[in-house]
Full PDB file with SEQRES, HELIX, SHEET, SSBOND, CRYST1, ORIGX, SCALE, CONECT and MASTER records, all heavy atoms in Angstrom:
SEQRES   1 A   44  GLY GLY SER LEU ARG LEU SER CYS ALA ALA SER GLY SER          
SEQRES   2 A   44  ILE PHE SER SER SER ALA ILE ARG TRP PHE ARG GLN ALA          
SEQRES   3 A   44  PRO GLY LYS GLN ARG ASP LEU VAL ALA SER ILE THR ARG          
SEQRES   4 A   44  GLY GLY ALA THR ASN                                          
HELIX    1 AA1 PHE A   15  SER A   17  5                                   3    
SHEET    1 AA1 2 ILE A  20  GLN A  25  0                                        
SHEET    2 AA1 2 ARG A  31  ILE A  37 -1                                        
CRYST1    1.000    1.000    1.000  90.00  90.00  90.00 P 1           1          
ORIGX1      1.000000  0.000000  0.000000        0.00000                         
ORIGX2      0.000000  1.000000  0.000000        0.00000                         
ORIGX3      0.000000  0.000000  1.000000        0.00000                         
SCALE1      1.000000  0.000000  0.000000        0.00000                         
SCALE2      0.000000  1.000000  0.000000        0.00000                         
SCALE3      0.000000  0.000000  1.000000        0.00000                         
ATOM      1  N   GLY A   1     104.131  33.371 134.991  1.00  0.00           N  
ATOM      2  CA  GLY A   1     103.259  32.320 134.663  1.00  0.00           C  
ATOM      3  C   GLY A   1     101.789  32.777 134.769  1.00  0.00           C  
ATOM      4  O   GLY A   1     100.838  32.066 134.352  1.00  0.00           O  
ATOM      5  N   GLY A   2     101.513  33.957 135.326  1.00  0.00           N  
ATOM      6  CA  GLY A   2     100.192  34.434 135.495  1.00  0.00           C  
ATOM      7  C   GLY A   2      99.626  35.063 134.219  1.00  0.00           C  
ATOM      8  O   GLY A   2     100.273  34.999 133.112  1.00  0.00           O  
ATOM      9  N   SER A   3      98.427  35.530 134.349  1.00  0.00           N  
ATOM     10  CA  SER A   3      97.684  36.088 133.207  1.00  0.00           C  
ATOM     11  C   SER A   3      97.058  37.471 133.519  1.00  0.00           C  
ATOM     12  O   SER A   3      96.827  37.800 134.668  1.00  0.00           O  
ATOM     13  CB  SER A   3      96.508  35.200 132.807  1.00  0.00           C  
ATOM     14  OG  SER A   3      96.990  33.921 132.437  1.00  0.00           O  
ATOM     15  N   LEU A   4      96.941  38.280 132.467  1.00  0.00           N  
ATOM     16  CA  LEU A   4      96.302  39.572 132.534  1.00  0.00           C  
ATOM     17  C   LEU A   4      95.542  39.769 131.241  1.00  0.00           C  
ATOM     18  O   LEU A   4      95.998  39.275 130.191  1.00  0.00           O  
ATOM     19  CB  LEU A   4      97.271  40.700 132.680  1.00  0.00           C  
ATOM     20  CG  LEU A   4      97.955  40.890 134.073  1.00  0.00           C  
ATOM     21  CD1 LEU A   4      99.025  42.042 134.023  1.00  0.00           C  
ATOM     22  CD2 LEU A   4      96.945  41.304 135.172  1.00  0.00           C  
ATOM     23  N   ARG A   5      94.517  40.557 131.238  1.00  0.00           N  
ATOM     24  CA  ARG A   5      93.783  40.922 130.099  1.00  0.00           C  
ATOM     25  C   ARG A   5      93.747  42.439 130.042  1.00  0.00           C  
ATOM     26  O   ARG A   5      93.162  43.111 130.890  1.00  0.00           O  
ATOM     27  CB  ARG A   5      92.383  40.414 129.972  1.00  0.00           C  
ATOM     28  CG  ARG A   5      91.737  40.643 128.600  1.00  0.00           C  
ATOM     29  CD  ARG A   5      90.400  40.044 128.398  1.00  0.00           C  
ATOM     30  NE  ARG A   5      89.295  40.842 129.001  1.00  0.00           N  
ATOM     31  CZ  ARG A   5      88.068  40.812 128.581  1.00  0.00           C  
ATOM     32  NH1 ARG A   5      87.711  40.066 127.527  1.00  0.00           N  
ATOM     33  NH2 ARG A   5      87.105  41.575 129.173  1.00  0.00           N  
ATOM     34  N   LEU A   6      94.352  42.973 129.014  1.00  0.00           N  
ATOM     35  CA  LEU A   6      94.374  44.456 128.750  1.00  0.00           C  
ATOM     36  C   LEU A   6      93.232  44.791 127.893  1.00  0.00           C  
ATOM     37  O   LEU A   6      92.855  44.017 126.955  1.00  0.00           O  
ATOM     38  CB  LEU A   6      95.707  44.888 128.116  1.00  0.00           C  
ATOM     39  CG  LEU A   6      97.007  44.501 128.829  1.00  0.00           C  
ATOM     40  CD1 LEU A   6      98.187  45.079 128.115  1.00  0.00           C  
ATOM     41  CD2 LEU A   6      96.991  44.861 130.219  1.00  0.00           C  
ATOM     42  N   SER A   7      92.750  46.001 128.101  1.00  0.00           N  
ATOM     43  CA  SER A   7      91.640  46.511 127.317  1.00  0.00           C  
ATOM     44  C   SER A   7      92.047  47.886 126.746  1.00  0.00           C  
ATOM     45  O   SER A   7      92.748  48.617 127.373  1.00  0.00           O  
ATOM     46  CB  SER A   7      90.345  46.667 128.094  1.00  0.00           C  
ATOM     47  OG  SER A   7      89.902  45.418 128.601  1.00  0.00           O  
ATOM     48  N   CYS A   8      91.549  48.166 125.539  1.00  0.00           N  
ATOM     49  CA  CYS A   8      91.825  49.496 124.999  1.00  0.00           C  
ATOM     50  C   CYS A   8      90.398  49.940 124.443  1.00  0.00           C  
ATOM     51  O   CYS A   8      89.910  49.428 123.460  1.00  0.00           O  
ATOM     52  CB  CYS A   8      92.813  49.397 123.921  1.00  0.00           C  
ATOM     53  SG  CYS A   8      93.031  50.936 122.901  1.00  0.00           S  
ATOM     54  N   ALA A   9      89.926  50.966 125.087  1.00  0.00           N  
ATOM     55  CA  ALA A   9      88.598  51.539 124.656  1.00  0.00           C  
ATOM     56  C   ALA A   9      88.799  52.727 123.803  1.00  0.00           C  
ATOM     57  O   ALA A   9      89.630  53.615 124.170  1.00  0.00           O  
ATOM     58  CB  ALA A   9      87.741  51.827 125.899  1.00  0.00           C  
ATOM     59  N   ALA A  10      88.192  52.815 122.709  1.00  0.00           N  
ATOM     60  CA  ALA A  10      88.367  53.863 121.735  1.00  0.00           C  
ATOM     61  C   ALA A  10      87.121  54.716 121.602  1.00  0.00           C  
ATOM     62  O   ALA A  10      86.011  54.200 121.572  1.00  0.00           O  
ATOM     63  CB  ALA A  10      88.805  53.366 120.375  1.00  0.00           C  
ATOM     64  N   SER A  11      87.310  56.009 121.434  1.00  0.00           N  
ATOM     65  CA  SER A  11      86.209  56.950 121.014  1.00  0.00           C  
ATOM     66  C   SER A  11      86.451  57.319 119.554  1.00  0.00           C  
ATOM     67  O   SER A  11      87.640  57.232 119.079  1.00  0.00           O  
ATOM     68  CB  SER A  11      86.192  58.150 121.874  1.00  0.00           C  
ATOM     69  OG  SER A  11      87.372  58.921 121.745  1.00  0.00           O  
ATOM     70  N   GLY A  12      85.499  57.778 118.902  1.00  0.00           N  
ATOM     71  CA  GLY A  12      85.668  58.136 117.432  1.00  0.00           C  
ATOM     72  C   GLY A  12      85.146  57.110 116.514  1.00  0.00           C  
ATOM     73  O   GLY A  12      84.908  55.970 116.871  1.00  0.00           O  
ATOM     74  N   SER A  13      84.864  57.502 115.336  1.00  0.00           N  
ATOM     75  CA  SER A  13      84.164  56.688 114.350  1.00  0.00           C  
ATOM     76  C   SER A  13      85.038  55.784 113.552  1.00  0.00           C  
ATOM     77  O   SER A  13      84.453  54.971 112.788  1.00  0.00           O  
ATOM     78  CB  SER A  13      83.341  57.625 113.388  1.00  0.00           C  
ATOM     79  OG  SER A  13      84.213  58.463 112.662  1.00  0.00           O  
ATOM     80  N   ILE A  14      86.354  55.861 113.719  1.00  0.00           N  
ATOM     81  CA  ILE A  14      87.173  55.118 112.804  1.00  0.00           C  
ATOM     82  C   ILE A  14      87.578  53.684 113.299  1.00  0.00           C  
ATOM     83  O   ILE A  14      88.163  52.949 112.673  1.00  0.00           O  
ATOM     84  CB  ILE A  14      88.518  55.875 112.478  1.00  0.00           C  
ATOM     85  CG1 ILE A  14      89.396  55.936 113.710  1.00  0.00           C  
ATOM     86  CG2 ILE A  14      88.241  57.236 111.907  1.00  0.00           C  
ATOM     87  CD1 ILE A  14      90.802  56.481 113.431  1.00  0.00           C  
ATOM     88  N   PHE A  15      87.154  53.462 114.575  1.00  0.00           N  
ATOM     89  CA  PHE A  15      87.637  52.238 115.169  1.00  0.00           C  
ATOM     90  C   PHE A  15      87.289  50.970 114.365  1.00  0.00           C  
ATOM     91  O   PHE A  15      88.158  50.239 114.084  1.00  0.00           O  
ATOM     92  CB  PHE A  15      86.986  52.063 116.621  1.00  0.00           C  
ATOM     93  CG  PHE A  15      87.415  50.802 117.286  1.00  0.00           C  
ATOM     94  CD1 PHE A  15      88.582  50.809 118.053  1.00  0.00           C  
ATOM     95  CD2 PHE A  15      86.637  49.677 117.220  1.00  0.00           C  
ATOM     96  CE1 PHE A  15      88.925  49.642 118.761  1.00  0.00           C  
ATOM     97  CE2 PHE A  15      87.001  48.505 117.857  1.00  0.00           C  
ATOM     98  CZ  PHE A  15      88.184  48.537 118.650  1.00  0.00           C  
ATOM     99  N   SER A  16      86.043  50.889 114.008  1.00  0.00           N  
ATOM    100  CA  SER A  16      85.669  49.577 113.345  1.00  0.00           C  
ATOM    101  C   SER A  16      86.272  49.382 111.962  1.00  0.00           C  
ATOM    102  O   SER A  16      86.311  48.282 111.442  1.00  0.00           O  
ATOM    103  CB  SER A  16      84.140  49.565 113.223  1.00  0.00           C  
ATOM    104  OG  SER A  16      83.664  50.648 112.438  1.00  0.00           O  
ATOM    105  N   SER A  17      86.733  50.487 111.368  1.00  0.00           N  
ATOM    106  CA  SER A  17      87.326  50.440 110.024  1.00  0.00           C  
ATOM    107  C   SER A  17      88.854  50.412 110.031  1.00  0.00           C  
ATOM    108  O   SER A  17      89.524  50.430 109.025  1.00  0.00           O  
ATOM    109  CB  SER A  17      86.887  51.568 109.121  1.00  0.00           C  
ATOM    110  OG  SER A  17      87.317  52.843 109.708  1.00  0.00           O  
ATOM    111  N   SER A  18      89.430  50.310 111.286  1.00  0.00           N  
ATOM    112  CA  SER A  18      90.886  50.455 111.426  1.00  0.00           C  
ATOM    113  C   SER A  18      91.472  49.153 111.967  1.00  0.00           C  
ATOM    114  O   SER A  18      90.876  48.449 112.735  1.00  0.00           O  
ATOM    115  CB  SER A  18      91.245  51.587 112.390  1.00  0.00           C  
ATOM    116  OG  SER A  18      90.710  52.800 111.856  1.00  0.00           O  
ATOM    117  N   ALA A  19      92.773  48.972 111.576  1.00  0.00           N  
ATOM    118  CA  ALA A  19      93.610  47.957 112.235  1.00  0.00           C  
ATOM    119  C   ALA A  19      94.001  48.614 113.618  1.00  0.00           C  
ATOM    120  O   ALA A  19      94.286  49.740 113.729  1.00  0.00           O  
ATOM    121  CB  ALA A  19      94.784  47.614 111.397  1.00  0.00           C  
ATOM    122  N   ILE A  20      94.080  47.752 114.567  1.00  0.00           N  
ATOM    123  CA  ILE A  20      94.559  48.162 115.886  1.00  0.00           C  
ATOM    124  C   ILE A  20      95.812  47.407 116.275  1.00  0.00           C  
ATOM    125  O   ILE A  20      95.917  46.204 116.057  1.00  0.00           O  
ATOM    126  CB  ILE A  20      93.429  47.834 116.947  1.00  0.00           C  
ATOM    127  CG1 ILE A  20      92.060  48.313 116.453  1.00  0.00           C  
ATOM    128  CG2 ILE A  20      93.789  48.569 118.272  1.00  0.00           C  
ATOM    129  CD1 ILE A  20      91.887  49.792 116.279  1.00  0.00           C  
ATOM    130  N   ARG A  21      96.693  48.075 116.971  1.00  0.00           N  
ATOM    131  CA  ARG A  21      97.953  47.424 117.364  1.00  0.00           C  
ATOM    132  C   ARG A  21      98.218  47.637 118.806  1.00  0.00           C  
ATOM    133  O   ARG A  21      97.874  48.692 119.376  1.00  0.00           O  
ATOM    134  CB  ARG A  21      99.131  48.026 116.504  1.00  0.00           C  
ATOM    135  CG  ARG A  21      98.915  47.772 115.064  1.00  0.00           C  
ATOM    136  CD  ARG A  21     100.039  48.365 114.191  1.00  0.00           C  
ATOM    137  NE  ARG A  21     100.116  49.785 114.209  1.00  0.00           N  
ATOM    138  CZ  ARG A  21     100.980  50.516 113.524  1.00  0.00           C  
ATOM    139  NH1 ARG A  21     101.886  49.874 112.882  1.00  0.00           N  
ATOM    140  NH2 ARG A  21     100.959  51.815 113.585  1.00  0.00           N  
ATOM    141  N   TRP A  22      98.814  46.657 119.473  1.00  0.00           N  
ATOM    142  CA  TRP A  22      99.401  46.816 120.796  1.00  0.00           C  
ATOM    143  C   TRP A  22     100.963  46.865 120.675  1.00  0.00           C  
ATOM    144  O   TRP A  22     101.534  46.032 119.955  1.00  0.00           O  
ATOM    145  CB  TRP A  22      98.991  45.563 121.675  1.00  0.00           C  
ATOM    146  CG  TRP A  22      97.640  45.612 122.214  1.00  0.00           C  
ATOM    147  CD1 TRP A  22      96.558  44.958 121.740  1.00  0.00           C  
ATOM    148  CD2 TRP A  22      97.154  46.333 123.319  1.00  0.00           C  
ATOM    149  NE1 TRP A  22      95.470  45.215 122.529  1.00  0.00           N  
ATOM    150  CE2 TRP A  22      95.812  46.097 123.531  1.00  0.00           C  
ATOM    151  CE3 TRP A  22      97.808  47.177 124.270  1.00  0.00           C  
ATOM    152  CZ2 TRP A  22      95.056  46.647 124.531  1.00  0.00           C  
ATOM    153  CZ3 TRP A  22      97.022  47.778 125.315  1.00  0.00           C  
ATOM    154  CH2 TRP A  22      95.696  47.463 125.477  1.00  0.00           C  
ATOM    155  N   PHE A  23     101.481  47.868 121.359  1.00  0.00           N  
ATOM    156  CA  PHE A  23     102.901  47.965 121.450  1.00  0.00           C  
ATOM    157  C   PHE A  23     103.289  47.888 122.923  1.00  0.00           C  
ATOM    158  O   PHE A  23     102.450  48.023 123.815  1.00  0.00           O  
ATOM    159  CB  PHE A  23     103.446  49.357 120.955  1.00  0.00           C  
ATOM    160  CG  PHE A  23     103.342  49.540 119.489  1.00  0.00           C  
ATOM    161  CD1 PHE A  23     102.130  49.740 118.765  1.00  0.00           C  
ATOM    162  CD2 PHE A  23     104.518  49.470 118.771  1.00  0.00           C  
ATOM    163  CE1 PHE A  23     102.178  49.911 117.399  1.00  0.00           C  
ATOM    164  CE2 PHE A  23     104.526  49.636 117.361  1.00  0.00           C  
ATOM    165  CZ  PHE A  23     103.317  49.867 116.692  1.00  0.00           C  
ATOM    166  N   ARG A  24     104.617  47.680 123.198  1.00  0.00           N  
ATOM    167  CA  ARG A  24     105.078  47.761 124.548  1.00  0.00           C  
ATOM    168  C   ARG A  24     106.424  48.426 124.603  1.00  0.00           C  
ATOM    169  O   ARG A  24     107.173  48.321 123.626  1.00  0.00           O  
ATOM    170  CB  ARG A  24     105.148  46.397 125.241  1.00  0.00           C  
ATOM    171  CG  ARG A  24     106.073  45.458 124.645  1.00  0.00           C  
ATOM    172  CD  ARG A  24     105.922  44.043 125.294  1.00  0.00           C  
ATOM    173  NE  ARG A  24     106.942  43.051 124.793  1.00  0.00           N  
ATOM    174  CZ  ARG A  24     106.810  41.770 125.216  1.00  0.00           C  
ATOM    175  NH1 ARG A  24     105.920  41.352 125.966  1.00  0.00           N  
ATOM    176  NH2 ARG A  24     107.754  40.973 124.664  1.00  0.00           N  
ATOM    177  N   GLN A  25     106.660  49.020 125.686  1.00  0.00           N  
ATOM    178  CA  GLN A  25     107.947  49.714 125.846  1.00  0.00           C  
ATOM    179  C   GLN A  25     108.512  49.476 127.290  1.00  0.00           C  
ATOM    180  O   GLN A  25     107.840  49.899 128.277  1.00  0.00           O  
ATOM    181  CB  GLN A  25     107.888  51.255 125.572  1.00  0.00           C  
ATOM    182  CG  GLN A  25     109.165  51.955 125.571  1.00  0.00           C  
ATOM    183  CD  GLN A  25     109.022  53.357 125.027  1.00  0.00           C  
ATOM    184  OE1 GLN A  25     107.963  53.948 124.982  1.00  0.00           O  
ATOM    185  NE2 GLN A  25     110.211  53.912 124.510  1.00  0.00           N  
ATOM    186  N   ALA A  26     109.653  48.807 127.360  1.00  0.00           N  
ATOM    187  CA  ALA A  26     110.320  48.629 128.598  1.00  0.00           C  
ATOM    188  C   ALA A  26     111.253  49.721 128.938  1.00  0.00           C  
ATOM    189  O   ALA A  26     111.702  50.440 127.969  1.00  0.00           O  
ATOM    190  CB  ALA A  26     111.054  47.255 128.602  1.00  0.00           C  
ATOM    191  N   PRO A  27     111.622  49.981 130.165  1.00  0.00           N  
ATOM    192  CA  PRO A  27     112.505  51.110 130.484  1.00  0.00           C  
ATOM    193  C   PRO A  27     113.869  51.045 129.653  1.00  0.00           C  
ATOM    194  O   PRO A  27     114.507  50.014 129.588  1.00  0.00           O  
ATOM    195  CB  PRO A  27     112.794  50.954 131.988  1.00  0.00           C  
ATOM    196  CG  PRO A  27     111.619  50.211 132.441  1.00  0.00           C  
ATOM    197  CD  PRO A  27     111.168  49.261 131.350  1.00  0.00           C  
ATOM    198  N   GLY A  28     114.186  52.153 129.041  1.00  0.00           N  
ATOM    199  CA  GLY A  28     115.452  52.250 128.324  1.00  0.00           C  
ATOM    200  C   GLY A  28     115.393  51.502 127.028  1.00  0.00           C  
ATOM    201  O   GLY A  28     116.453  51.453 126.291  1.00  0.00           O  
ATOM    202  N   LYS A  29     114.264  51.026 126.541  1.00  0.00           N  
ATOM    203  CA  LYS A  29     114.196  50.305 125.351  1.00  0.00           C  
ATOM    204  C   LYS A  29     113.165  51.026 124.330  1.00  0.00           C  
ATOM    205  O   LYS A  29     112.405  51.836 124.742  1.00  0.00           O  
ATOM    206  CB  LYS A  29     113.789  48.810 125.522  1.00  0.00           C  
ATOM    207  CG  LYS A  29     114.746  48.085 126.318  1.00  0.00           C  
ATOM    208  CD  LYS A  29     114.451  46.544 126.349  1.00  0.00           C  
ATOM    209  CE  LYS A  29     115.521  45.806 127.092  1.00  0.00           C  
ATOM    210  NZ  LYS A  29     115.219  44.372 127.077  1.00  0.00           N  
ATOM    211  N   GLN A  30     113.250  50.581 123.062  1.00  0.00           N  
ATOM    212  CA  GLN A  30     112.333  51.153 122.125  1.00  0.00           C  
ATOM    213  C   GLN A  30     110.951  50.579 122.271  1.00  0.00           C  
ATOM    214  O   GLN A  30     110.739  49.542 122.879  1.00  0.00           O  
ATOM    215  CB  GLN A  30     112.854  50.969 120.687  1.00  0.00           C  
ATOM    216  CG  GLN A  30     112.889  49.500 120.276  1.00  0.00           C  
ATOM    217  CD  GLN A  30     113.497  49.297 118.886  1.00  0.00           C  
ATOM    218  OE1 GLN A  30     114.155  50.109 118.343  1.00  0.00           O  
ATOM    219  NE2 GLN A  30     113.154  48.171 118.279  1.00  0.00           N  
ATOM    220  N   ARG A  31     109.992  51.267 121.609  1.00  0.00           N  
ATOM    221  CA  ARG A  31     108.627  50.749 121.730  1.00  0.00           C  
ATOM    222  C   ARG A  31     108.469  49.644 120.611  1.00  0.00           C  
ATOM    223  O   ARG A  31     108.772  49.980 119.401  1.00  0.00           O  
ATOM    224  CB  ARG A  31     107.571  51.906 121.465  1.00  0.00           C  
ATOM    225  CG  ARG A  31     106.199  51.567 121.710  1.00  0.00           C  
ATOM    226  CD  ARG A  31     105.330  52.808 121.697  1.00  0.00           C  
ATOM    227  NE  ARG A  31     105.657  53.749 122.820  1.00  0.00           N  
ATOM    228  CZ  ARG A  31     104.944  54.791 123.058  1.00  0.00           C  
ATOM    229  NH1 ARG A  31     103.781  55.028 122.374  1.00  0.00           N  
ATOM    230  NH2 ARG A  31     105.306  55.563 124.046  1.00  0.00           N  
ATOM    231  N   ASP A  32     108.040  48.524 120.966  1.00  0.00           N  
ATOM    232  CA  ASP A  32     108.009  47.394 120.035  1.00  0.00           C  
ATOM    233  C   ASP A  32     106.596  46.960 119.801  1.00  0.00           C  
ATOM    234  O   ASP A  32     105.745  46.924 120.653  1.00  0.00           O  
ATOM    235  CB  ASP A  32     108.794  46.198 120.542  1.00  0.00           C  
ATOM    236  CG  ASP A  32     110.261  46.447 120.557  1.00  0.00           C  
ATOM    237  OD1 ASP A  32     110.789  47.159 119.675  1.00  0.00           O  
ATOM    238  OD2 ASP A  32     110.916  45.858 121.428  1.00  0.00           O  
ATOM    239  N   LEU A  33     106.268  46.491 118.551  1.00  0.00           N  
ATOM    240  CA  LEU A  33     105.006  45.933 118.236  1.00  0.00           C  
ATOM    241  C   LEU A  33     104.817  44.604 118.858  1.00  0.00           C  
ATOM    242  O   LEU A  33     105.684  43.735 118.698  1.00  0.00           O  
ATOM    243  CB  LEU A  33     104.779  45.871 116.704  1.00  0.00           C  
ATOM    244  CG  LEU A  33     103.522  45.344 116.131  1.00  0.00           C  
ATOM    245  CD1 LEU A  33     102.358  46.175 116.552  1.00  0.00           C  
ATOM    246  CD2 LEU A  33     103.621  45.133 114.670  1.00  0.00           C  
ATOM    247  N   VAL A  34     103.713  44.396 119.507  1.00  0.00           N  
ATOM    248  CA  VAL A  34     103.439  43.083 120.173  1.00  0.00           C  
ATOM    249  C   VAL A  34     102.392  42.287 119.358  1.00  0.00           C  
ATOM    250  O   VAL A  34     102.585  41.140 119.095  1.00  0.00           O  
ATOM    251  CB  VAL A  34     102.849  43.327 121.614  1.00  0.00           C  
ATOM    252  CG1 VAL A  34     102.413  41.991 122.196  1.00  0.00           C  
ATOM    253  CG2 VAL A  34     103.927  44.061 122.466  1.00  0.00           C  
ATOM    254  N   ALA A  35     101.267  42.966 118.920  1.00  0.00           N  
ATOM    255  CA  ALA A  35     100.239  42.250 118.240  1.00  0.00           C  
ATOM    256  C   ALA A  35      99.367  43.220 117.449  1.00  0.00           C  
ATOM    257  O   ALA A  35      99.375  44.421 117.797  1.00  0.00           O  
ATOM    258  CB  ALA A  35      99.358  41.429 119.259  1.00  0.00           C  
ATOM    259  N   SER A  36      98.750  42.783 116.444  1.00  0.00           N  
ATOM    260  CA  SER A  36      97.861  43.628 115.634  1.00  0.00           C  
ATOM    261  C   SER A  36      96.694  42.817 115.167  1.00  0.00           C  
ATOM    262  O   SER A  36      96.710  41.584 115.044  1.00  0.00           O  
ATOM    263  CB  SER A  36      98.626  44.199 114.425  1.00  0.00           C  
ATOM    264  OG  SER A  36      99.043  43.158 113.550  1.00  0.00           O  
ATOM    265  N   ILE A  37      95.617  43.539 114.832  1.00  0.00           N  
ATOM    266  CA  ILE A  37      94.371  42.920 114.410  1.00  0.00           C  
ATOM    267  C   ILE A  37      93.729  43.855 113.357  1.00  0.00           C  
ATOM    268  O   ILE A  37      93.648  45.016 113.577  1.00  0.00           O  
ATOM    269  CB  ILE A  37      93.366  42.604 115.562  1.00  0.00           C  
ATOM    270  CG1 ILE A  37      92.187  41.820 115.022  1.00  0.00           C  
ATOM    271  CG2 ILE A  37      92.971  43.885 116.326  1.00  0.00           C  
ATOM    272  CD1 ILE A  37      91.324  41.215 116.163  1.00  0.00           C  
ATOM    273  N   THR A  38      93.466  43.310 112.214  1.00  0.00           N  
ATOM    274  CA  THR A  38      92.879  44.092 111.135  1.00  0.00           C  
ATOM    275  C   THR A  38      91.391  44.315 111.394  1.00  0.00           C  
ATOM    276  O   THR A  38      90.774  43.731 112.329  1.00  0.00           O  
ATOM    277  CB  THR A  38      93.055  43.409 109.783  1.00  0.00           C  
ATOM    278  OG1 THR A  38      92.194  42.195 109.822  1.00  0.00           O  
ATOM    279  CG2 THR A  38      94.456  43.018 109.549  1.00  0.00           C  
ATOM    280  N   ARG A  39      90.758  45.121 110.588  1.00  0.00           N  
ATOM    281  CA  ARG A  39      89.318  45.395 110.719  1.00  0.00           C  
ATOM    282  C   ARG A  39      88.540  44.064 110.486  1.00  0.00           C  
ATOM    283  O   ARG A  39      87.408  43.941 111.042  1.00  0.00           O  
ATOM    284  CB  ARG A  39      88.816  46.467 109.833  1.00  0.00           C  
ATOM    285  CG  ARG A  39      89.032  46.163 108.386  1.00  0.00           C  
ATOM    286  CD  ARG A  39      88.519  47.358 107.591  1.00  0.00           C  
ATOM    287  NE  ARG A  39      88.637  47.198 106.097  1.00  0.00           N  
ATOM    288  CZ  ARG A  39      88.222  48.071 105.220  1.00  0.00           C  
ATOM    289  NH1 ARG A  39      87.737  49.253 105.613  1.00  0.00           N  
ATOM    290  NH2 ARG A  39      88.364  47.826 103.954  1.00  0.00           N  
ATOM    291  N   GLY A  40      89.116  43.213 109.735  1.00  0.00           N  
ATOM    292  CA  GLY A  40      88.441  41.913 109.461  1.00  0.00           C  
ATOM    293  C   GLY A  40      88.721  40.819 110.473  1.00  0.00           C  
ATOM    294  O   GLY A  40      88.164  39.707 110.357  1.00  0.00           O  
ATOM    295  N   GLY A  41      89.639  41.069 111.412  1.00  0.00           N  
ATOM    296  CA  GLY A  41      89.937  40.139 112.481  1.00  0.00           C  
ATOM    297  C   GLY A  41      91.202  39.379 112.210  1.00  0.00           C  
ATOM    298  O   GLY A  41      91.481  38.488 113.082  1.00  0.00           O  
ATOM    299  N   ALA A  42      91.965  39.603 111.207  1.00  0.00           N  
ATOM    300  CA  ALA A  42      93.139  38.846 111.042  1.00  0.00           C  
ATOM    301  C   ALA A  42      94.225  39.406 112.100  1.00  0.00           C  
ATOM    302  O   ALA A  42      94.273  40.559 112.291  1.00  0.00           O  
ATOM    303  CB  ALA A  42      93.708  39.060 109.623  1.00  0.00           C  
ATOM    304  N   THR A  43      94.923  38.421 112.588  1.00  0.00           N  
ATOM    305  CA  THR A  43      95.854  38.786 113.688  1.00  0.00           C  
ATOM    306  C   THR A  43      97.313  38.510 113.295  1.00  0.00           C  
ATOM    307  O   THR A  43      97.542  37.659 112.429  1.00  0.00           O  
ATOM    308  CB  THR A  43      95.542  38.047 114.939  1.00  0.00           C  
ATOM    309  OG1 THR A  43      95.563  36.677 114.714  1.00  0.00           O  
ATOM    310  CG2 THR A  43      94.090  38.429 115.412  1.00  0.00           C  
ATOM    311  N   ASN A  44      98.227  39.208 114.015  1.00  0.00           N  
ATOM    312  CA  ASN A  44      99.663  38.993 113.797  1.00  0.00           C  
ATOM    313  C   ASN A  44     100.285  39.200 115.160  1.00  0.00           C  
ATOM    314  O   ASN A  44      99.851  40.112 115.892  1.00  0.00           O  
ATOM    315  CB  ASN A  44     100.207  39.827 112.732  1.00  0.00           C  
ATOM    316  CG  ASN A  44     101.526  39.414 112.204  1.00  0.00           C  
ATOM    317  OD1 ASN A  44     101.841  38.190 112.283  1.00  0.00           O  
ATOM    318  ND2 ASN A  44     102.342  40.337 111.774  1.00  0.00           N  
TER     319      ASN A  44                                                      
MASTER        0    0    0    1    2    0    0    6  318    1    0    4          
END                                                                             
C-alpha cells in the first residue's frame, strides 16, 4: 500500500527526442514493460 518514486537520469543528447520506457524484472521471470512515455508526453 505504500509509495515510491523512481527516477531515471539520462546523459546524452537524445533524451528529449526519445520515448522512454520503464521495465521490471522479478527473480526467475522475464523483463516486462511497465510504462512508457513519448517525447510528446503521451503515456501507456
